[in-house]
Amino acid sequence: MNNKKVWLFWGIVLIACNLRAPITSVGSLVSMIQGDTGMSSALAGFITTLPLLAFAVVSPFVSTMMDKLGMEWTMLLGLLSMIAGVLTRSFCGVPGIFIGTTLLGVGIAVGNILLPSIIKERFPLKVGFMTSLFTTSMSTFSAIGSGISVPAAEAGLGWRGSLAMWLATLALAALVWSRQLGRGEEGGPRGREIKGSHSPARRVMSSPLSWRIALYMGCQSFLFYSLVSWLATILQSRGISAADAGFLVLLFQLSSIPASFIFPIWAAKKRDQRLVTFVDSALFTVGVAGVMFAGDNLFILIPSLICAGLGTAGSLALALIFMSYRCKSVQQTATLSGMAQSIGYLLAAVGPILIGALYDVIGSWMVPLGVLVGVLVLLTLFGVGAARDRYILDEE
């Protein structure tokens, strides 16, 4: 790779490292935040839901912003929004927690949408490998964020200092990414060429294939955030200690790392990804069904959670591959990504609330877990429809 590509490579990796960790790090600190601020449980729960709502609202507008400012400046503004969000969330009192979380969500939404488009444009022959790096970096730092936030707070930083730690990785990402400003990429579609040669956004959003990809992303997000939100509570309801439940949740997240690396590379080698989709859905279903029926049996729970972790990461990787491989242009990829992630994160925000409400009404986790299995069936159906070798506008 030439010097520009090296800087771009590390810019993508560093941005990916910051797309989940500042959010997943909050969950472990909620009790500390409540104890310090006197915040109610309902209000504290909204801290983890707010960024998902920000993702859903902002995502459809990122491609328009990219058209006007270019990918490089749009991404830098997203990083600056994330930095402002972390600062505000950490040091501006209770109102700052919510304002900062919103700013953070806006910035992360920009990164979520633009990275697949940047990879498609700048690394057209290495989409699978670069998507693998993207998802692996994101999954690894997501697990790190969950794991180090409490120890860092207890080591003397407090919850504010623990949340503020992510300023270092964000500042580094912004510094490295700034090397891309004003640098056109030879051979890549830029400016008017993009606008004049690609289909309007409304055609992309009316495509049946676009909707299959969007609903696949939606089911994936619903499942992941429902499990992350309630898995520890489900395990503790079966008599598993809080410490062991925490370890099992960490195992679930760490299990996603190998799938984040393997599935994009495997999928990129296939023009038709239906086999890859079936394997991922089978792992995911075995995992959730195992959790559903394992009780407190660790010999069943541990392999089940590993399978579920592999399934969540594999389905996210496949959703990103679909966004790149089913589009003919960077602009189409950005539009489809915005549409799919808007729907996905809206369902992600609804999922934990719905699963918790079902438990409150029924008093058992069997039905909520059964709902997750039902969503897995939908995930498989939408995935098979999205995995066929064709482009989104070739259906017309």
Protein backbone atom coordinates (compact mmCIF):
# COMPACT_ATOMS: atom_id res chain seq x y z
CA MET A 1 0.00 0.00 0.00
CA ASN A 2 1.16 3.55 -0.68
CA ASN A 3 1.51 6.09 2.12
CA LYS A 4 -2.01 7.50 1.66
CA LYS A 5 -3.53 4.03 1.81
CA VAL A 6 -1.59 3.25 5.00
CA TRP A 7 -3.00 6.34 6.73
CA LEU A 8 -6.47 5.47 5.42
CA PHE A 9 -6.14 1.88 6.65
CA TRP A 10 -5.27 2.99 10.19
CA GLY A 11 -7.95 5.68 10.09
CA ILE A 12 -10.62 3.06 9.35
CA VAL A 13 -9.34 0.74 12.10
CA LEU A 14 -9.21 3.51 14.72
CA ILE A 15 -12.68 4.81 13.85
CA ALA A 16 -14.09 1.26 14.06
CA CYS A 17 -12.57 0.89 17.54
CA ASN A 18 -14.75 3.81 18.71
CA LEU A 19 -18.10 2.79 17.20
CA ARG A 20 -19.31 0.63 20.11
CA ALA A 21 -16.93 0.95 23.05
CA PRO A 22 -18.13 4.41 24.27
CA ILE A 23 -21.67 2.96 24.39
CA THR A 24 -21.00 -0.52 25.84
CA SER A 25 -18.82 1.01 28.56
CA VAL A 26 -21.86 2.78 30.05
CA GLY A 27 -23.88 -0.34 30.91
CA SER A 28 -21.50 -1.52 33.61
CA LEU A 29 -21.39 1.95 35.19
CA VAL A 30 -25.14 2.62 35.44
CA SER A 31 -25.33 1.74 39.14
CA MET A 32 -22.42 4.11 39.92
CA ILE A 33 -24.05 6.89 37.89
CA GLN A 34 -27.33 6.38 39.77
CA GLY A 35 -25.60 6.40 43.14
CA ASP A 36 -23.77 9.63 42.36
CA THR A 37 -26.60 11.53 40.65
CA GLY A 38 -29.72 10.09 42.29
CA MET A 39 -31.09 9.24 38.86
CA SER A 40 -34.10 6.90 38.69
CA SER A 41 -33.81 3.46 37.10
CA ALA A 42 -36.11 4.43 34.27
CA LEU A 43 -34.03 7.52 33.48
CA ALA A 44 -30.81 5.54 33.79
CA GLY A 45 -32.14 2.95 31.35
CA PHE A 46 -32.75 5.71 28.85
CA ILE A 47 -28.99 6.39 28.73
CA THR A 48 -28.43 3.13 26.85
CA THR A 49 -31.48 3.57 24.61
CA LEU A 50 -30.78 7.18 23.59
CA PRO A 51 -27.80 6.48 21.28
CA LEU A 52 -29.81 3.82 19.44
CA LEU A 53 -32.57 6.35 18.81
CA ALA A 54 -29.94 8.84 17.62
CA PHE A 55 -28.62 6.21 15.20
CA ALA A 56 -32.12 5.60 13.85
CA VAL A 57 -32.92 9.30 13.36
CA VAL A 58 -29.58 10.45 11.92
CA SER A 59 -28.69 7.50 9.66
CA PRO A 60 -30.97 8.38 6.69
CA PHE A 61 -29.40 11.86 6.39
CA VAL A 62 -25.73 10.88 6.36
CA SER A 63 -25.59 10.14 2.62
CA THR A 64 -27.00 13.61 1.85
CA MET A 65 -24.38 15.16 4.12
CA MET A 66 -21.72 13.10 2.32
CA ASP A 67 -22.89 14.47 -1.05
CA LYS A 68 -22.52 18.07 0.14
CA LEU A 69 -19.31 17.86 2.17
CA GLY A 70 -17.55 14.76 0.89
CA MET A 71 -16.82 11.60 2.85
CA GLU A 72 -13.63 12.89 4.44
CA TRP A 73 -15.11 16.03 6.03
CA THR A 74 -18.34 14.27 6.98
CA MET A 75 -16.38 11.59 8.83
CA LEU A 76 -14.24 14.17 10.61
CA LEU A 77 -17.36 16.03 11.75
CA GLY A 78 -18.72 12.73 13.05
CA LEU A 79 -15.53 12.19 15.07
CA LEU A 80 -15.69 15.74 16.46
CA SER A 81 -19.32 15.14 17.48
CA MET A 82 -18.20 12.01 19.32
CA ILE A 83 -15.42 13.90 21.11
CA ALA A 84 -17.85 16.66 22.13
CA GLY A 85 -20.29 13.99 23.29
CA VAL A 86 -17.76 12.23 25.54
CA LEU A 87 -16.66 15.54 27.07
CA THR A 88 -20.23 16.71 27.69
CA ARG A 89 -21.37 13.33 29.02
CA SER A 90 -18.47 13.09 31.45
CA PHE A 91 -18.21 16.61 32.87
CA CYS A 92 -21.49 18.55 32.44
CA GLY A 93 -23.78 17.13 35.11
CA VAL A 94 -27.00 15.16 34.64
CA PRO A 95 -28.26 17.18 31.63
CA GLY A 96 -24.83 16.73 30.07
CA ILE A 97 -25.16 12.95 30.31
CA PHE A 98 -28.14 13.01 27.95
CA ILE A 99 -26.91 15.81 25.68
CA GLY A 100 -23.49 14.19 25.43
CA THR A 101 -24.94 10.75 24.76
CA THR A 102 -27.02 12.24 21.93
CA LEU A 103 -23.95 13.92 20.38
CA LEU A 104 -22.05 10.67 20.74
CA GLY A 105 -24.86 8.77 19.02
CA VAL A 106 -24.92 11.25 16.13
CA GLY A 107 -21.19 10.88 15.58
CA ILE A 108 -21.28 7.09 15.77
CA ALA A 109 -24.15 7.02 13.25
CA VAL A 110 -21.94 8.90 10.78
CA GLY A 111 -19.16 6.33 11.22
CA ASN A 112 -21.58 3.40 10.96
CA ILE A 113 -22.88 4.66 7.61
CA LEU A 114 -19.69 5.93 5.99
CA LEU A 115 -17.18 3.18 6.75
CA PRO A 116 -18.84 0.59 4.43
CA SER A 117 -18.95 3.24 1.66
CA ILE A 118 -15.33 4.24 2.21
CA ILE A 119 -14.25 0.60 2.13
CA LYS A 120 -16.18 0.01 -1.10
CA GLU A 121 -14.65 3.05 -2.80
CA ARG A 122 -11.06 2.96 -1.56
CA PHE A 123 -10.55 -0.84 -1.25
CA PRO A 124 -12.82 -2.26 -4.00
CA LEU A 125 -10.76 -5.46 -4.33
CA LYS A 126 -10.46 -6.03 -0.57
CA VAL A 127 -13.98 -5.39 0.68
CA GLY A 128 -14.12 -8.67 2.60
CA PHE A 129 -10.76 -8.20 4.31
CA MET A 130 -11.41 -4.55 5.22
CA THR A 131 -14.92 -5.33 6.47
CA SER A 132 -13.35 -8.09 8.56
CA LEU A 133 -10.92 -5.59 10.11
CA PHE A 134 -13.75 -3.11 10.65
CA THR A 135 -16.04 -5.56 12.45
CA THR A 136 -13.22 -7.23 14.40
CA SER A 137 -11.93 -3.89 15.69
CA MET A 138 -15.46 -2.86 16.65
CA SER A 139 -16.22 -6.15 18.44
CA THR A 140 -12.88 -6.27 20.26
CA PHE A 141 -13.16 -2.77 21.66
CA SER A 142 -16.84 -3.32 22.47
CA ALA A 143 -15.79 -6.17 24.77
CA ILE A 144 -12.90 -4.10 26.18
CA GLY A 145 -15.30 -1.24 26.89
CA SER A 146 -17.57 -3.54 28.86
CA GLY A 147 -14.67 -5.12 30.72
CA ILE A 148 -12.49 -2.20 31.81
CA SER A 149 -15.02 0.51 32.67
CA VAL A 150 -15.72 -0.64 36.25
CA PRO A 151 -12.08 -1.50 37.15
CA ALA A 152 -11.00 1.90 35.80
CA ALA A 153 -13.68 3.68 37.83
CA GLU A 154 -12.79 1.75 40.99
CA ALA A 155 -9.08 2.44 40.47
CA GLY A 156 -9.70 6.11 41.21
CA LEU A 157 -11.04 7.59 37.97
CA GLY A 158 -14.68 7.40 39.04
CA TRP A 159 -17.43 6.88 36.49
CA ARG A 160 -16.75 10.26 34.86
CA GLY A 161 -13.07 9.55 34.34
CA SER A 162 -13.84 6.03 33.15
CA LEU A 163 -16.18 7.36 30.46
CA ALA A 164 -13.72 10.11 29.55
CA MET A 165 -10.96 7.57 28.77
CA TRP A 166 -12.37 7.20 25.27
CA LEU A 167 -11.24 10.76 24.49
CA ALA A 168 -7.76 9.35 23.90
CA THR A 169 -8.79 6.84 21.22
CA LEU A 170 -11.18 9.35 19.61
CA ALA A 171 -8.53 12.08 19.46
CA LEU A 172 -6.07 9.64 17.89
CA ALA A 173 -8.69 8.56 15.34
CA ALA A 174 -9.48 12.20 14.45
CA LEU A 175 -5.77 13.03 14.14
CA VAL A 176 -5.08 10.09 11.82
CA TRP A 177 -8.24 10.70 9.79
CA SER A 178 -7.37 14.38 9.28
CA ARG A 179 -4.64 13.16 6.91
CA GLN A 180 -7.46 12.33 4.45
CA LEU A 181 -8.75 15.89 4.14
CA GLY A 182 -8.26 17.35 0.67
CA ARG A 183 -6.84 14.14 -0.70
CA GLY A 184 -8.71 12.77 -3.69
CA GLU A 185 -8.31 9.10 -4.49
CA GLU A 186 -7.10 8.27 -7.98
CA GLY A 187 -9.60 6.25 -9.91
CA GLY A 188 -12.36 6.67 -7.37
CA PRO A 189 -15.66 8.37 -8.17
CA ARG A 190 -15.73 11.86 -6.69
CA GLY A 191 -18.01 14.91 -6.51
CA ARG A 192 -20.22 15.50 -9.54
CA GLU A 193 -19.27 12.21 -11.09
CA ILE A 194 -21.01 10.43 -8.22
CA LYS A 195 -24.10 12.56 -8.37
CA GLY A 196 -24.42 12.43 -12.11
CA SER A 197 -23.97 8.70 -12.51
CA HIS A 198 -25.89 7.09 -9.67
CA SER A 199 -29.53 6.35 -9.12
CA PRO A 200 -31.62 8.61 -6.90
CA ALA A 201 -31.96 7.64 -3.26
CA ARG A 202 -35.70 7.04 -3.59
CA ARG A 203 -35.08 4.23 -6.12
CA VAL A 204 -32.65 2.56 -3.72
CA MET A 205 -35.13 2.83 -0.85
CA SER A 206 -38.02 1.42 -2.92
CA SER A 207 -36.09 -1.68 -3.98
CA PRO A 208 -37.43 -4.98 -2.49
CA LEU A 209 -33.85 -6.18 -2.08
CA SER A 210 -33.00 -3.02 -0.13
CA TRP A 211 -35.85 -3.82 2.24
CA ARG A 212 -34.66 -7.40 2.72
CA ILE A 213 -31.21 -6.13 3.66
CA ALA A 214 -32.69 -3.45 5.93
CA LEU A 215 -34.94 -5.95 7.71
CA TYR A 216 -32.04 -8.39 8.05
CA MET A 217 -30.09 -5.60 9.75
CA GLY A 218 -33.15 -4.85 11.88
CA CYS A 219 -33.53 -8.43 13.08
CA GLN A 220 -29.80 -8.65 13.81
CA SER A 221 -29.89 -5.46 15.87
CA PHE A 222 -33.06 -6.51 17.72
CA LEU A 223 -31.43 -9.80 18.72
CA PHE A 224 -28.04 -8.40 19.73
CA TYR A 225 -29.27 -5.53 21.88
CA SER A 226 -32.00 -7.66 23.49
CA LEU A 227 -29.42 -10.24 24.51
CA VAL A 228 -26.89 -7.65 25.72
CA SER A 229 -29.58 -5.93 27.79
CA TRP A 230 -31.16 -8.97 29.45
CA LEU A 231 -28.71 -11.88 29.33
CA ALA A 232 -27.18 -11.23 32.77
CA THR A 233 -30.64 -10.85 34.32
CA ILE A 234 -31.84 -14.09 32.68
CA LEU A 235 -28.84 -15.99 33.99
CA GLN A 236 -29.18 -14.59 37.51
CA SER A 237 -32.88 -15.52 37.58
CA ARG A 238 -31.72 -19.14 37.29
CA GLY A 239 -29.58 -18.93 40.41
CA ILE A 240 -26.29 -18.08 38.71
CA SER A 241 -24.26 -15.59 40.75
CA ALA A 242 -23.80 -12.03 39.53
CA ALA A 243 -20.06 -12.61 39.09
CA ASP A 244 -20.57 -15.78 37.02
CA ALA A 245 -23.33 -14.10 35.00
CA GLY A 246 -20.96 -11.22 34.26
CA PHE A 247 -18.30 -13.67 33.10
CA LEU A 248 -20.80 -15.43 30.82
CA VAL A 249 -21.91 -12.13 29.27
CA LEU A 250 -18.26 -11.26 28.65
CA LEU A 251 -17.77 -14.70 27.07
CA PHE A 252 -20.76 -14.00 24.81
CA GLN A 253 -19.17 -10.74 23.65
CA LEU A 254 -15.64 -12.13 23.28
CA SER A 255 -17.00 -15.02 21.18
CA SER A 256 -18.03 -12.48 18.57
CA ILE A 257 -14.41 -11.57 17.76
CA PRO A 258 -13.44 -14.65 15.67
CA ALA A 259 -16.72 -14.49 13.74
CA SER A 260 -16.15 -10.78 13.07
CA PHE A 261 -12.89 -11.71 11.37
CA ILE A 262 -13.88 -14.93 9.58
CA PHE A 263 -17.38 -14.28 8.23
CA PRO A 264 -16.65 -11.19 6.08
CA ILE A 265 -13.67 -12.91 4.41
CA TRP A 266 -15.67 -16.09 3.83
CA ALA A 267 -18.66 -14.16 2.48
CA ALA A 268 -16.47 -12.04 0.18
CA LYS A 269 -15.20 -15.18 -1.54
CA LYS A 270 -18.75 -16.06 -2.58
CA ARG A 271 -20.86 -14.26 -5.15
CA ASP A 272 -23.89 -15.89 -3.51
CA GLN A 273 -23.78 -15.86 0.31
CA ARG A 274 -26.77 -18.09 1.07
CA LEU A 275 -24.64 -20.92 2.50
CA VAL A 276 -22.78 -18.47 4.74
CA THR A 277 -26.11 -17.03 5.88
CA PHE A 278 -27.51 -20.48 6.72
CA VAL A 279 -24.42 -21.40 8.76
CA ASP A 280 -24.57 -18.13 10.69
CA SER A 281 -28.30 -18.46 11.38
CA ALA A 282 -27.85 -22.07 12.49
CA LEU A 283 -25.15 -21.07 14.99
CA PHE A 284 -27.28 -18.19 16.25
CA THR A 285 -30.39 -20.38 16.65
CA VAL A 286 -28.51 -23.15 18.44
CA GLY A 287 -27.10 -20.53 20.79
CA VAL A 288 -30.40 -18.87 21.70
CA ALA A 289 -32.23 -22.20 21.97
CA GLY A 290 -29.46 -23.47 24.23
CA VAL A 291 -29.85 -20.47 26.53
CA MET A 292 -33.62 -21.02 26.47
CA PHE A 293 -33.50 -24.62 27.71
CA ALA A 294 -30.15 -24.89 29.57
CA GLY A 295 -31.34 -23.67 32.94
CA ASP A 296 -28.24 -23.23 35.10
CA ASN A 297 -26.26 -26.02 33.41
CA LEU A 298 -22.93 -24.42 32.51
CA PHE A 299 -21.96 -27.36 30.27
CA ILE A 300 -24.84 -26.32 27.99
CA LEU A 301 -24.78 -22.57 28.64
CA ILE A 302 -21.12 -21.99 27.77
CA PRO A 303 -21.19 -23.57 24.26
CA SER A 304 -24.62 -22.00 23.69
CA LEU A 305 -23.32 -18.51 24.48
CA ILE A 306 -20.29 -19.07 22.26
CA CYS A 307 -22.62 -20.04 19.39
CA ALA A 308 -24.83 -17.00 20.07
CA GLY A 309 -21.78 -14.72 20.11
CA LEU A 310 -20.57 -16.15 16.81
CA GLY A 311 -24.06 -15.71 15.37
CA THR A 312 -24.44 -12.07 16.39
CA ALA A 313 -21.08 -11.06 14.92
CA GLY A 314 -21.57 -13.12 11.78
CA SER A 315 -24.97 -11.59 11.06
CA LEU A 316 -23.63 -8.05 11.52
CA ALA A 317 -20.72 -8.80 9.19
CA LEU A 318 -23.12 -10.25 6.59
CA ALA A 319 -25.37 -7.18 6.80
CA LEU A 320 -22.35 -4.95 6.03
CA ILE A 321 -21.24 -7.24 3.19
CA PHE A 322 -24.75 -7.12 1.70
CA MET A 323 -24.66 -3.30 1.76
CA SER A 324 -21.42 -3.31 -0.25
CA TYR A 325 -21.98 -6.26 -2.58
CA ARG A 326 -25.58 -5.52 -3.57
CA CYS A 327 -24.79 -1.95 -4.69
CA LYS A 328 -22.99 -0.75 -7.82
CA SER A 329 -21.82 2.60 -6.45
CA VAL A 330 -20.56 4.32 -3.33
CA GLN A 331 -23.65 6.56 -3.22
CA GLN A 332 -25.99 3.56 -3.38
CA THR A 333 -24.02 1.91 -0.58
CA ALA A 334 -24.31 5.02 1.62
CA THR A 335 -28.05 5.35 0.93
CA LEU A 336 -28.73 1.67 1.59
CA SER A 337 -26.54 1.75 4.70
CA GLY A 338 -28.46 4.73 6.06
CA MET A 339 -31.80 3.08 5.39
CA ALA A 340 -30.79 -0.31 6.82
CA GLN A 341 -29.16 1.11 9.94
CA SER A 342 -32.03 3.47 10.63
CA ILE A 343 -34.47 0.55 10.63
CA GLY A 344 -31.97 -1.66 12.44
CA TYR A 345 -31.33 0.67 15.35
CA LEU A 346 -35.00 1.59 15.69
CA LEU A 347 -35.73 -2.10 16.22
CA ALA A 348 -32.67 -2.31 18.48
CA ALA A 349 -34.22 0.36 20.71
CA VAL A 350 -37.58 -1.43 20.74
CA GLY A 351 -36.15 -4.91 21.36
CA PRO A 352 -34.97 -4.64 24.99
CA ILE A 353 -38.15 -2.78 25.97
CA LEU A 354 -40.40 -5.41 24.37
CA ILE A 355 -38.48 -8.34 25.88
CA GLY A 356 -38.57 -6.75 29.33
CA ALA A 357 -42.30 -5.95 29.03
CA LEU A 358 -43.08 -9.55 28.05
CA TYR A 359 -41.25 -10.80 31.13
CA ASP A 360 -43.13 -8.34 33.36
CA VAL A 361 -46.47 -9.56 32.01
CA ILE A 362 -45.74 -13.31 31.89
CA GLY A 363 -43.24 -13.71 34.73
CA SER A 364 -41.10 -16.16 32.78
CA TRP A 365 -38.16 -15.80 30.39
CA MET A 366 -39.30 -18.70 28.18
CA VAL A 367 -41.72 -16.63 26.10
CA PRO A 368 -39.32 -13.68 25.58
CA LEU A 369 -36.60 -16.13 24.51
CA GLY A 370 -39.16 -17.81 22.25
CA VAL A 371 -39.75 -14.42 20.62
CA LEU A 372 -36.01 -14.19 19.95
CA VAL A 373 -36.14 -17.60 18.24
CA GLY A 374 -39.03 -16.32 16.12
CA VAL A 375 -36.98 -13.27 15.13
CA LEU A 376 -34.16 -15.65 14.20
CA VAL A 377 -36.51 -17.35 11.73
CA LEU A 378 -37.20 -13.95 10.16
CA LEU A 379 -33.47 -13.18 10.16
CA THR A 380 -32.86 -16.36 8.16
CA LEU A 381 -35.63 -15.62 5.64
CA PHE A 382 -34.49 -12.04 5.03
CA GLY A 383 -30.86 -13.17 4.91
CA VAL A 384 -31.51 -15.80 2.25
CA GLY A 385 -33.34 -13.18 0.18
CA ALA A 386 -30.47 -10.71 0.58
CA ALA A 387 -27.68 -13.22 -0.06
CA ARG A 388 -28.47 -13.99 -3.71
CA ASP A 389 -26.03 -12.64 -6.29
CA ARG A 390 -27.76 -9.54 -7.72
CA TYR A 391 -27.84 -5.77 -7.39
CA ILE A 392 -30.55 -3.70 -5.75
CA LEU A 393 -31.73 -1.90 -8.91
CA ASP A 394 -31.47 -4.87 -11.27
CA GLU A 395 -34.94 -5.99 -10.10
CA GLU A 396 -36.63 -3.22 -12.09
